[in-house]
Amino acid sequence: MGITKSQIFNTEQNELAIMFKVLSNPARIAILQYISQQNACICNDIVDEIGLAQPTISQHLKELKSIDLIRGEIEGKKVCYYINLKQWKAVQALLNSFFETTKDNCC
C-alpha cells in the first residue's frame, strides 16, 4: 500500500481527513457523547460506561486528545476529561464549510 500524498491536498482537506479518521470509531463517538453529558469525568467512569477495557479506553482517549477534541486535567491519581469547546466549534465550522459547498445538482 502506498503512502498518501497529503501535500497535494489543501489544509482543510487534510484536517477533515484527520478528524474523520479519529471520529470513525464508534467507541470514540460513545466516549464523546458520554463526556459531553458530564460536568467532568474520570477515566474509570468511562470504562464502566462504555464497557471496554481500561487500556482500550486510554487509547481512544489518546486519539481524541490528538485532535484536541478533549482535554484532561490531573486530579490526584485520576484524570478528569472534558470537551474542548473551542476545538469542537472549529470542527463544526470545518464540517459546515464542507457541506455548504455541496451542490444539489445530481442527475
Protein backbone atom coordinates (compact mmCIF):
# COMPACT_ATOMS: atom_id res chain seq x y z
CA MET A 1 0.00 0.00 0.00
CA GLY A 2 1.42 3.38 -0.99
CA ILE A 3 1.98 6.47 1.09
CA THR A 4 -0.77 9.10 0.98
CA LYS A 5 0.49 12.25 -0.69
CA SER A 6 -1.20 14.62 1.73
CA GLN A 7 0.87 17.54 0.47
CA ILE A 8 -1.12 17.62 -2.78
CA PHE A 9 -4.32 18.37 -0.81
CA ASN A 10 -5.18 21.65 0.85
CA THR A 11 -5.07 22.22 4.60
CA GLU A 12 -8.83 21.96 5.04
CA GLN A 13 -8.96 18.62 3.22
CA ASN A 14 -6.14 17.23 5.33
CA GLU A 15 -7.71 18.49 8.58
CA LEU A 16 -11.09 16.98 7.71
CA ALA A 17 -9.48 13.66 6.82
CA ILE A 18 -7.63 13.52 10.14
CA MET A 19 -10.79 14.38 12.08
CA PHE A 20 -12.90 11.86 10.19
CA LYS A 21 -10.28 9.19 10.80
CA VAL A 22 -10.29 9.83 14.55
CA LEU A 23 -14.08 10.06 14.68
CA SER A 24 -14.61 6.94 12.56
CA ASN A 25 -14.57 4.63 15.58
CA PRO A 26 -17.94 4.13 17.31
CA ALA A 27 -16.24 3.77 20.71
CA ARG A 28 -14.82 7.28 20.33
CA ILE A 29 -18.25 8.63 19.43
CA ALA A 30 -19.68 6.95 22.54
CA ILE A 31 -16.86 8.41 24.66
CA LEU A 32 -17.52 11.91 23.28
CA GLN A 33 -21.24 11.55 23.93
CA TYR A 34 -20.62 10.38 27.48
CA ILE A 35 -18.11 13.13 28.28
CA SER A 36 -20.35 15.80 26.74
CA GLN A 37 -23.13 14.83 29.16
CA GLN A 38 -20.91 15.18 32.25
CA ASN A 39 -19.52 18.18 34.10
CA ALA A 40 -16.26 16.26 34.39
CA CYS A 41 -15.50 12.61 34.13
CA ILE A 42 -12.83 10.26 35.36
CA CYS A 43 -11.32 7.55 33.18
CA ASN A 44 -12.73 4.71 35.28
CA ASP A 45 -16.22 6.18 34.83
CA ILE A 46 -15.71 5.96 31.08
CA VAL A 47 -14.58 2.33 31.36
CA ASP A 48 -17.69 1.46 33.36
CA GLU A 49 -20.00 3.32 30.98
CA ILE A 50 -18.58 2.15 27.63
CA GLY A 51 -17.74 -1.40 28.65
CA LEU A 52 -14.28 -1.65 27.08
CA ALA A 53 -11.04 -2.44 28.88
CA GLN A 54 -9.17 0.44 30.50
CA PRO A 55 -6.17 0.23 28.11
CA THR A 56 -8.56 0.33 25.14
CA ILE A 57 -10.36 3.38 26.55
CA SER A 58 -6.99 5.04 27.17
CA GLN A 59 -6.01 4.51 23.54
CA HIS A 60 -9.30 6.02 22.34
CA LEU A 61 -8.85 8.98 24.69
CA LYS A 62 -5.33 9.47 23.30
CA GLU A 63 -6.73 9.62 19.76
CA LEU A 64 -9.41 12.14 20.75
CA LYS A 65 -6.77 14.24 22.52
CA SER A 66 -4.56 14.11 19.42
CA ILE A 67 -7.05 16.32 17.57
CA ASP A 68 -7.69 18.36 20.74
CA LEU A 69 -11.40 17.46 20.98
CA ILE A 70 -10.96 16.53 24.61
CA ARG A 71 -8.62 17.62 27.33
CA GLY A 72 -7.69 16.05 30.61
CA GLU A 73 -6.74 17.55 33.93
CA ILE A 74 -4.88 15.57 36.57
CA GLU A 75 -6.63 15.49 39.93
CA GLY A 76 -4.56 13.43 42.34
CA LYS A 77 -4.20 9.98 40.79
CA LYS A 78 -7.11 10.49 38.39
CA VAL A 79 -7.60 12.37 35.15
CA CYS A 80 -10.81 14.30 34.53
CA TYR A 81 -11.67 14.67 30.86
CA TYR A 82 -13.82 17.35 29.25
CA ILE A 83 -14.81 18.51 25.78
CA ASN A 84 -12.63 21.30 24.38
CA LEU A 85 -15.46 23.54 23.20
CA LYS A 86 -13.18 25.83 21.20
CA GLN A 87 -11.89 22.90 19.12
CA TRP A 88 -15.37 21.37 18.89
CA LYS A 89 -16.67 24.62 17.37
CA ALA A 90 -13.73 24.61 14.93
CA VAL A 91 -14.66 21.06 13.86
CA GLN A 92 -18.27 22.16 13.41
CA ALA A 93 -17.13 25.11 11.28
CA LEU A 94 -15.00 22.82 9.09
CA LEU A 95 -17.90 20.43 8.60
CA ASN A 96 -20.30 23.27 7.86
CA SER A 97 -17.94 24.76 5.27
CA PHE A 98 -17.60 21.34 3.66
CA PHE A 99 -21.36 20.85 3.35
CA GLU A 100 -22.10 24.47 2.40
CA THR A 101 -20.12 23.99 -0.80
CA THR A 102 -22.06 20.85 -1.75
CA LYS A 103 -24.34 21.48 -4.70
CA ASP A 104 -27.66 19.76 -5.26
CA ASN A 105 -27.24 19.09 -8.95
CA CYS A 106 -27.27 15.33 -9.09
CA CYS A 107 -28.55 13.64 -12.25
